[in-house]
C-alpha atoms as a PDB file:
ATOM      1  CA  MET A   1     -46.715  59.829-241.600  1.00  0.00           C
ATOM      2  CA  ILE A   2     -44.821  57.743-239.525  1.00  0.00           C
ATOM      3  CA  LEU A   3     -42.888  60.524-238.180  1.00  0.00           C
ATOM      4  CA  VAL A   4     -46.041  62.354-237.341  1.00  0.00           C
ATOM      5  CA  ALA A   5     -47.044  59.182-235.279  1.00  0.00           C
ATOM      6  CA  LEU A   6     -43.705  58.787-233.740  1.00  0.00           C
ATOM      7  CA  ILE A   7     -43.967  62.547-232.318  1.00  0.00           C
ATOM      8  CA  PHE A   8     -47.276  61.928-230.992  1.00  0.00           C
ATOM      9  CA  ALA A   9     -46.321  58.664-229.425  1.00  0.00           C
ATOM     10  CA  ALA A  10     -43.361  60.693-227.708  1.00  0.00           C
ATOM     11  CA  ALA A  11     -45.471  63.191-226.107  1.00  0.00           C
ATOM     12  CA  THR A  12     -45.328  62.686-222.252  1.00  0.00           C
ATOM     13  CA  PRO A  13     -47.929  63.676-219.703  1.00  0.00           C
ATOM     14  CA  ALA A  14     -45.846  66.565-218.352  1.00  0.00           C
ATOM     15  CA  ASP A  15     -46.532  68.067-221.911  1.00  0.00           C
ATOM     16  CA  ALA A  16     -49.952  68.616-221.215  1.00  0.00           C
ATOM     17  CA  VAL A  17     -49.344  70.547-217.810  1.00  0.00           C
ATOM     18  CA  PRO A  18     -48.194  73.893-219.315  1.00  0.00           C
ATOM     19  CA  LYS A  19     -51.326  74.292-221.484  1.00  0.00           C
ATOM     20  CA  ALA A  20     -53.821  73.014-218.806  1.00  0.00           C
ATOM     21  CA  ARG A  21     -52.217  75.463-216.220  1.00  0.00           C
ATOM     22  CA  GLN A  22     -52.340  78.402-218.708  1.00  0.00           C
ATOM     23  CA  ALA A  23     -55.841  77.764-219.507  1.00  0.00           C
ATOM     24  CA  TYR A  24     -57.068  77.364-215.674  1.00  0.00           C
ATOM     25  CA  ALA A  25     -54.828  80.254-214.509  1.00  0.00           C
ATOM     26  CA  SER A  26     -56.418  82.422-217.628  1.00  0.00           C
ATOM     27  CA  CYS A  27     -59.911  81.440-216.529  1.00  0.00           C
ATOM     28  CA  LEU A  28     -59.173  82.304-212.739  1.00  0.00           C
ATOM     29  CA  SER A  29     -57.478  85.851-213.738  1.00  0.00           C
ATOM     30  CA  GLN A  30     -60.572  86.749-216.266  1.00  0.00           C
ATOM     31  CA  PHE A  31     -63.147  85.750-213.621  1.00  0.00           C
ATOM     32  CA  THR A  32     -61.254  87.771-211.058  1.00  0.00           C
ATOM     33  CA  ASN A  33     -60.944  90.755-212.837  1.00  0.00           C
ATOM     34  CA  ASP A  34     -64.543  90.665-213.856  1.00  0.00           C
ATOM     35  CA  ALA A  35     -65.787  90.217-210.398  1.00  0.00           C
ATOM     36  CA  VAL A  36     -63.540  93.138-209.154  1.00  0.00           C
ATOM     37  CA  ASP A  37     -65.171  95.185-212.212  1.00  0.00           C
ATOM     38  CA  ARG A  38     -68.557  94.326-211.175  1.00  0.00           C
ATOM     39  CA  LYS A  39     -68.002  94.463-207.565  1.00  0.00           C
ATOM     40  CA  MET A  40     -69.062  91.109-206.723  1.00  0.00           C
ATOM     41  CA  PRO A  41     -70.167  90.520-203.227  1.00  0.00           C
ATOM     42  CA  LYS A  42     -67.344  88.741-201.389  1.00  0.00           C
ATOM     43  CA  GLU A  43     -69.272  85.574-200.328  1.00  0.00           C
ATOM     44  CA  GLU A  44     -70.043  85.120-203.853  1.00  0.00           C
ATOM     45  CA  PHE A  45     -66.397  85.101-205.178  1.00  0.00           C
ATOM     46  CA  VAL A  46     -64.967  81.835-204.247  1.00  0.00           C
ATOM     47  CA  PRO A  47     -68.100  79.759-205.115  1.00  0.00           C
ATOM     48  CA  GLY A  48     -68.443  81.709-208.497  1.00  0.00           C
ATOM     49  CA  LEU A  49     -64.741  81.080-209.327  1.00  0.00           C
ATOM     50  CA  ASN A  50     -65.037  77.422-208.776  1.00  0.00           C
ATOM     51  CA  ALA A  51     -68.204  77.137-210.950  1.00  0.00           C
ATOM     52  CA  LYS A  52     -66.771  79.311-213.631  1.00  0.00           C
ATOM     53  CA  CYS A  53     -63.572  77.436-214.010  1.00  0.00           C
ATOM     54  CA  ALA A  54     -64.484  74.013-213.049  1.00  0.00           C
ATOM     55  CA  ASP A  55     -63.779  72.345-216.433  1.00  0.00           C
ATOM     56  CA  LYS A  56     -60.445  73.865-216.562  1.00  0.00           C
ATOM     57  CA  GLU A  57     -59.672  73.046-213.033  1.00  0.00           C
ATOM     58  CA  ALA A  58     -60.332  69.443-213.672  1.00  0.00           C
ATOM     59  CA  LYS A  59     -58.138  69.246-216.808  1.00  0.00           C
ATOM     60  CA  PHE A  60     -55.376  70.986-214.830  1.00  0.00           C
ATOM     61  CA  ARG A  61     -55.654  68.476-211.812  1.00  0.00           C
ATOM     62  CA  ALA A  62     -55.803  65.438-214.406  1.00  0.00           C
ATOM     63  CA  ALA A  63     -52.857  66.853-216.113  1.00  0.00           C
ATOM     64  CA  LEU A  64     -50.553  67.125-212.909  1.00  0.00           C
ATOM     65  CA  VAL A  65     -51.492  63.844-211.573  1.00  0.00           C
ATOM     66  CA  ALA A  66     -50.843  62.077-214.987  1.00  0.00           C
ATOM     67  CA  ALA A  67     -47.434  63.890-214.889  1.00  0.00           C
ATOM     68  CA  ASN A  68     -46.558  63.185-211.394  1.00  0.00           C
ATOM     69  CA  ARG A  69     -47.502  59.208-211.778  1.00  0.00           C
ATOM     70  CA  ALA A  70     -45.367  59.144-214.968  1.00  0.00           C
ATOM     71  CA  ASP A  71     -42.549  60.711-212.803  1.00  0.00           C
ATOM     72  CA  GLY A  72     -43.046  57.601-210.198  1.00  0.00           C
ATOM     73  CA  MET A  73     -45.053  59.726-207.662  1.00  0.00           C
ATOM     74  CA  SER A  74     -47.929  57.738-205.840  1.00  0.00           C
ATOM     75  CA  GLU A  75     -51.627  58.198-206.617  1.00  0.00           C
ATOM     76  CA  LYS A  76     -52.201  59.880-203.061  1.00  0.00           C
ATOM     77  CA  ASP A  77     -49.174  62.255-203.469  1.00  0.00           C
ATOM     78  CA  SER A  78     -50.055  63.161-207.015  1.00  0.00           C
ATOM     79  CA  ALA A  79     -53.515  64.260-206.088  1.00  0.00           C
ATOM     80  CA  ALA A  80     -52.181  66.125-202.898  1.00  0.00           C
ATOM     81  CA  ASP A  81     -49.865  68.006-205.275  1.00  0.00           C
ATOM     82  CA  ALA A  82     -52.608  68.939-207.525  1.00  0.00           C
ATOM     83  CA  GLU A  83     -54.688  70.149-204.570  1.00  0.00           C
ATOM     84  CA  ASP A  84     -51.957  72.354-203.244  1.00  0.00           C
ATOM     85  CA  GLN A  85     -51.414  73.557-206.434  1.00  0.00           C
ATOM     86  CA  VAL A  86     -55.227  74.590-206.997  1.00  0.00           C
ATOM     87  CA  LYS A  87     -55.485  75.925-203.390  1.00  0.00           C
ATOM     88  CA  GLY A  88     -52.551  78.006-204.154  1.00  0.00           C
ATOM     89  CA  TYR A  89     -54.193  79.792-207.271  1.00  0.00           C
ATOM     90  CA  ILE A  90     -57.370  80.104-205.350  1.00  0.00           C
ATOM     91  CA  GLU A  91     -55.733  81.891-202.684  1.00  0.00           C
ATOM     92  CA  GLN A  92     -53.850  84.316-205.261  1.00  0.00           C
ATOM     93  CA  MET A  93     -57.086  84.923-206.767  1.00  0.00           C
ATOM     94  CA  THR A  94     -58.823  85.595-203.478  1.00  0.00           C
ATOM     95  CA  ASP A  95     -56.061  87.933-202.456  1.00  0.00           C
ATOM     96  CA  ASN A  96     -56.194  89.714-205.960  1.00  0.00           C
ATOM     97  CA  PHE A  97     -60.217  89.872-205.514  1.00  0.00           C
ATOM     98  CA  ALA A  98     -59.593  91.579-202.063  1.00  0.00           C
ATOM     99  CA  SER A  99     -57.197  93.927-203.008  1.00  0.00           C
ATOM    100  CA  GLY A 100     -59.197  95.039-206.015  1.00  0.00           C
ATOM    101  CA  ASN A 101     -62.609  95.812-204.168  1.00  0.00           C
END
């Protein structure tokens, strides 16, 4: 019982990032593929993507900020890093959507 508690206590904020990243990327990819298949209008894509994956984006951002803060990064820089990574994913999905339509 104590060993289990120690294992959970040893988990770091960085441990949550891969799972949150995968969940967010999977949501984005699924939405993008579905949008291409349905021939969604271009102007509906990004708002729909943001709405569909908002909860996973929030968890991804929170995991990134927590990991960055644990590594000594400032709150401002941590938030900026998370924003940059999210923007990168959105840009990639927008490119994928455009090339699929």
